[in-house]
Each structure stands twice: as structure tokens, then as C-alpha cells.
Amino acid sequence: AEFLCDALGGSGKVVELEGIAGTSAARDRGQGFNEYMAAECPGVEIIAKQTANFNRAEGLTVFENILQAEPEIDGVFAHNDEMILGAIEAAKAAGRDGEIVFVGFDAVDDAVAAVEAGDLAATVAQQPALMGELGVNTAILFLNGDSVESFIPVDLSLVTK
């Protein structure tokens, strides 16, 4: 959210492609994005929010429809990279290549390649190895009778060109 806000100079029209309704990833990523934009980037207007179910083909179709309905779009945030990669394809097909700032989430290989190619401005990288290590270590502590935290955050990093 902060990266997109900065990339847009603090103002613009943004689309949010949402994941599967009710999943923790969609809920948490959407909530974090919207709270940040409302508090720190009030010049950005979120003009459309639609689910594309964490799916590339749906991201393409949903964003094609949004592009037809909304002639002015400055940025797109998607709850995962598959949806943002579909949205990028839709923008290219509509002749909007290079006009829109795209930000995804997960840093999958195709998204990292899209960042390197200049199609995707950024993707958020998680640390699955660290998450696994923390999970195993926490389980061991718990099984040994030690108290454990109910929530253990893991830092994210941003992949940009």
C-alpha cells in the first residue's frame, strides 16, 4: 500500500482485486491495504473492488471489465500475484501497457520476472522457510509444555526493479 501510494504521488484512482471471500489472506491483505490508504494516502480513491478468486484467468476477465467501465485507472493492487498477472495481460490487450502501476503479493516466479521486465511495479515477498521454522519451533515449545504466543508476525519484503 505504501509503495503504491508513493508510486502514484499520493493521489489517483486505484482498483483492488480481491481474493476468495472469507479467506484469511483476502481478509487480512484487503484490510491492511484499505486501512493504510484511508489513513496515510487519502488522495487515492479506490474506484473498484472485485474478487478474482486468486486466479490469473479471473484476474484477466475481471480487469477487462473494470477497464471498460473505468476509463481512468492509475493503479491496481491485487491480493496475490496470479490476479495481478492476469490484470497486466488485460491492460496490455487494451493498449494500456505502461499507464497503470501494478502491485501484487506473494513474489511467485512469474511475478518476479514481470518486475524484472518492468510490467509489474512490485510484489510483496513472504518468508515461507522462516514461517515453517517458526511453526515447528513453536509446536515443539508447546508440546514441551511451554507457553507460546498466539500470533507470531513474520516480516515481509518488497520486490521491485
Foldseek 3Di string as FASTA:
>chain_A
DVVQCVVVVLAFEEEEAAADPPDPLRVVVVVVVVVCCVPPRVRYHHPYYYYQHQAQCSLLVVLLVVVVVDVTHAEYEYSADSSQNSNLVNCVVVVNQPRHAYEHEAPDVVVLVCQVVVSHAKYKHFDVVVVVVVVVVQVVCVVVPHDDDPDDDGDIDMRHD
